[in-house]
Amino acid sequence: MSRINDVGGMTGFPPIDEEPDEPRFHEDWEAHVFALNGALIKHGVYNLDEFRDAQERLGVGEYLAASYYERWFAAIRMLLVEKGVARPEELRA
């Protein structure tokens, strides 16, 4: 069973626009999400495989509508709830 992230060979997707000299982060919040993920992995809250799986488990609509780091942030929130670190209502606040 393929997931939404596995779009290889699917039709209907536009070509990827490459940005010459693209910066690593377009917004400050993206760097914070990157650092947060690294810290949570380093401290054993979850591992890289779990993080990748969480991104792949996002709903199709959410996955396709989200930017790269928005998917990261959604996966982090999902894992924090699943691991009992935070409750959904805490993350919505």
C-alpha atoms as a PDB file:
ATOM      1  CA  MET A   1       0.000   0.000   0.000  1.00  0.00           C
ATOM      2  CA  SER A   2       1.501   3.324  -1.008  1.00  0.00           C
ATOM      3  CA  ARG A   3       1.007   6.492   1.003  1.00  0.00           C
ATOM      4  CA  ILE A   4       0.505  10.046  -0.216  1.00  0.00           C
ATOM      5  CA  ASN A   5       4.213  10.845   0.054  1.00  0.00           C
ATOM      6  CA  ASP A   6       4.965   8.142  -2.566  1.00  0.00           C
ATOM      7  CA  VAL A   7       3.915  10.023  -5.696  1.00  0.00           C
ATOM      8  CA  GLY A   8       6.558   8.597  -8.000  1.00  0.00           C
ATOM      9  CA  GLY A   9       4.962   7.697 -11.319  1.00  0.00           C
ATOM     10  CA  MET A  10       1.623   9.357 -10.490  1.00  0.00           C
ATOM     11  CA  THR A  11       0.117  11.726 -13.011  1.00  0.00           C
ATOM     12  CA  GLY A  12      -1.437  15.093 -12.298  1.00  0.00           C
ATOM     13  CA  PHE A  13       1.382  16.656 -10.327  1.00  0.00           C
ATOM     14  CA  PRO A  14       3.096  19.732 -11.753  1.00  0.00           C
ATOM     15  CA  PRO A  15       6.857  19.849 -12.187  1.00  0.00           C
ATOM     16  CA  ILE A  16       8.885  20.909  -9.188  1.00  0.00           C
ATOM     17  CA  ASP A  17      10.046  24.501  -9.438  1.00  0.00           C
ATOM     18  CA  GLU A  18      13.637  24.681  -8.298  1.00  0.00           C
ATOM     19  CA  GLU A  19      14.723  27.935  -6.745  1.00  0.00           C
ATOM     20  CA  PRO A  20      18.323  28.860  -7.590  1.00  0.00           C
ATOM     21  CA  ASP A  21      20.358  29.492  -4.428  1.00  0.00           C
ATOM     22  CA  GLU A  22      17.345  28.574  -2.321  1.00  0.00           C
ATOM     23  CA  PRO A  23      17.876  29.377   1.362  1.00  0.00           C
ATOM     24  CA  ARG A  24      17.671  26.511   3.836  1.00  0.00           C
ATOM     25  CA  PHE A  25      14.806  28.267   5.630  1.00  0.00           C
ATOM     26  CA  HIS A  26      12.368  30.742   4.118  1.00  0.00           C
ATOM     27  CA  GLU A  27      10.928  31.853   7.474  1.00  0.00           C
ATOM     28  CA  ASP A  28      12.322  31.927  11.023  1.00  0.00           C
ATOM     29  CA  TRP A  29       9.687  29.473  12.269  1.00  0.00           C
ATOM     30  CA  GLU A  30      11.046  26.820   9.886  1.00  0.00           C
ATOM     31  CA  ALA A  31      14.443  26.946  11.603  1.00  0.00           C
ATOM     32  CA  HIS A  32      12.698  26.560  14.966  1.00  0.00           C
ATOM     33  CA  VAL A  33      10.817  23.472  13.745  1.00  0.00           C
ATOM     34  CA  PHE A  34      14.085  22.021  12.419  1.00  0.00           C
ATOM     35  CA  ALA A  35      15.813  22.606  15.776  1.00  0.00           C
ATOM     36  CA  LEU A  36      12.844  21.304  17.783  1.00  0.00           C
ATOM     37  CA  ASN A  37      12.805  18.074  15.795  1.00  0.00           C
ATOM     38  CA  GLY A  38      16.534  17.576  16.304  1.00  0.00           C
ATOM     39  CA  ALA A  39      16.226  18.140  20.050  1.00  0.00           C
ATOM     40  CA  LEU A  40      13.293  15.731  20.406  1.00  0.00           C
ATOM     41  CA  ILE A  41      15.150  13.022  18.489  1.00  0.00           C
ATOM     42  CA  LYS A  42      18.367  13.635  20.462  1.00  0.00           C
ATOM     43  CA  HIS A  43      16.497  13.319  23.754  1.00  0.00           C
ATOM     44  CA  GLY A  44      14.809  10.078  22.694  1.00  0.00           C
ATOM     45  CA  VAL A  45      11.236  11.310  22.531  1.00  0.00           C
ATOM     46  CA  TYR A  46      10.989   9.598  19.150  1.00  0.00           C
ATOM     47  CA  ASN A  47      13.373   8.429  16.469  1.00  0.00           C
ATOM     48  CA  LEU A  48      13.883   9.400  12.850  1.00  0.00           C
ATOM     49  CA  ASP A  49      11.889   6.439  11.522  1.00  0.00           C
ATOM     50  CA  GLU A  50       8.925   7.378  13.723  1.00  0.00           C
ATOM     51  CA  PHE A  51       9.185  10.974  12.550  1.00  0.00           C
ATOM     52  CA  ARG A  52       9.182   9.953   8.898  1.00  0.00           C
ATOM     53  CA  ASP A  53       6.261   7.581   9.481  1.00  0.00           C
ATOM     54  CA  ALA A  54       4.271  10.329  11.202  1.00  0.00           C
ATOM     55  CA  GLN A  55       4.671  12.575   8.149  1.00  0.00           C
ATOM     56  CA  GLU A  56       3.534   9.750   5.898  1.00  0.00           C
ATOM     57  CA  ARG A  57       0.450   9.172   8.075  1.00  0.00           C
ATOM     58  CA  LEU A  58      -0.848  12.718   7.599  1.00  0.00           C
ATOM     59  CA  GLY A  59      -4.148  12.858   5.779  1.00  0.00           C
ATOM     60  CA  VAL A  60      -3.948  13.309   2.021  1.00  0.00           C
ATOM     61  CA  GLY A  61      -5.470  16.792   2.096  1.00  0.00           C
ATOM     62  CA  GLU A  62      -3.267  17.958   4.951  1.00  0.00           C
ATOM     63  CA  TYR A  63      -0.131  16.514   3.355  1.00  0.00           C
ATOM     64  CA  LEU A  64      -0.763  18.075  -0.054  1.00  0.00           C
ATOM     65  CA  ALA A  65      -1.763  21.473   1.363  1.00  0.00           C
ATOM     66  CA  ALA A  66       1.255  21.742   3.676  1.00  0.00           C
ATOM     67  CA  SER A  67       4.703  23.062   2.956  1.00  0.00           C
ATOM     68  CA  TYR A  68       7.791  20.988   3.760  1.00  0.00           C
ATOM     69  CA  TYR A  69       8.224  22.323   7.300  1.00  0.00           C
ATOM     70  CA  GLU A  70       4.475  22.472   7.921  1.00  0.00           C
ATOM     71  CA  ARG A  71       4.507  18.682   7.423  1.00  0.00           C
ATOM     72  CA  TRP A  72       7.415  18.438   9.853  1.00  0.00           C
ATOM     73  CA  PHE A  73       5.523  20.473  12.446  1.00  0.00           C
ATOM     74  CA  ALA A  74       2.346  18.420  11.997  1.00  0.00           C
ATOM     75  CA  ALA A  75       4.347  15.204  12.459  1.00  0.00           C
ATOM     76  CA  ILE A  76       6.020  16.575  15.596  1.00  0.00           C
ATOM     77  CA  ARG A  77       2.643  17.492  17.102  1.00  0.00           C
ATOM     78  CA  MET A  78       1.262  14.054  16.225  1.00  0.00           C
ATOM     79  CA  LEU A  79       4.189  12.298  17.891  1.00  0.00           C
ATOM     80  CA  LEU A  80       4.077  14.469  21.009  1.00  0.00           C
ATOM     81  CA  VAL A  81       0.476  13.388  21.537  1.00  0.00           C
ATOM     82  CA  GLU A  82       1.118   9.730  20.693  1.00  0.00           C
ATOM     83  CA  LYS A  83       4.099   9.599  23.061  1.00  0.00           C
ATOM     84  CA  GLY A  84       2.091  11.202  25.892  1.00  0.00           C
ATOM     85  CA  VAL A  85       4.296  14.282  26.037  1.00  0.00           C
ATOM     86  CA  ALA A  86       1.439  16.690  25.310  1.00  0.00           C
ATOM     87  CA  ARG A  87      -2.332  16.633  25.033  1.00  0.00           C
ATOM     88  CA  PRO A  88      -4.028  17.841  21.826  1.00  0.00           C
ATOM     89  CA  GLU A  89      -5.639  20.778  23.628  1.00  0.00           C
ATOM     90  CA  GLU A  90      -2.217  21.931  24.868  1.00  0.00           C
ATOM     91  CA  LEU A  91      -0.908  22.015  21.327  1.00  0.00           C
ATOM     92  CA  ARG A  92      -3.933  23.959  20.058  1.00  0.00           C
ATOM     93  CA  ALA A  93      -3.466  26.675  22.711  1.00  0.00           C
END
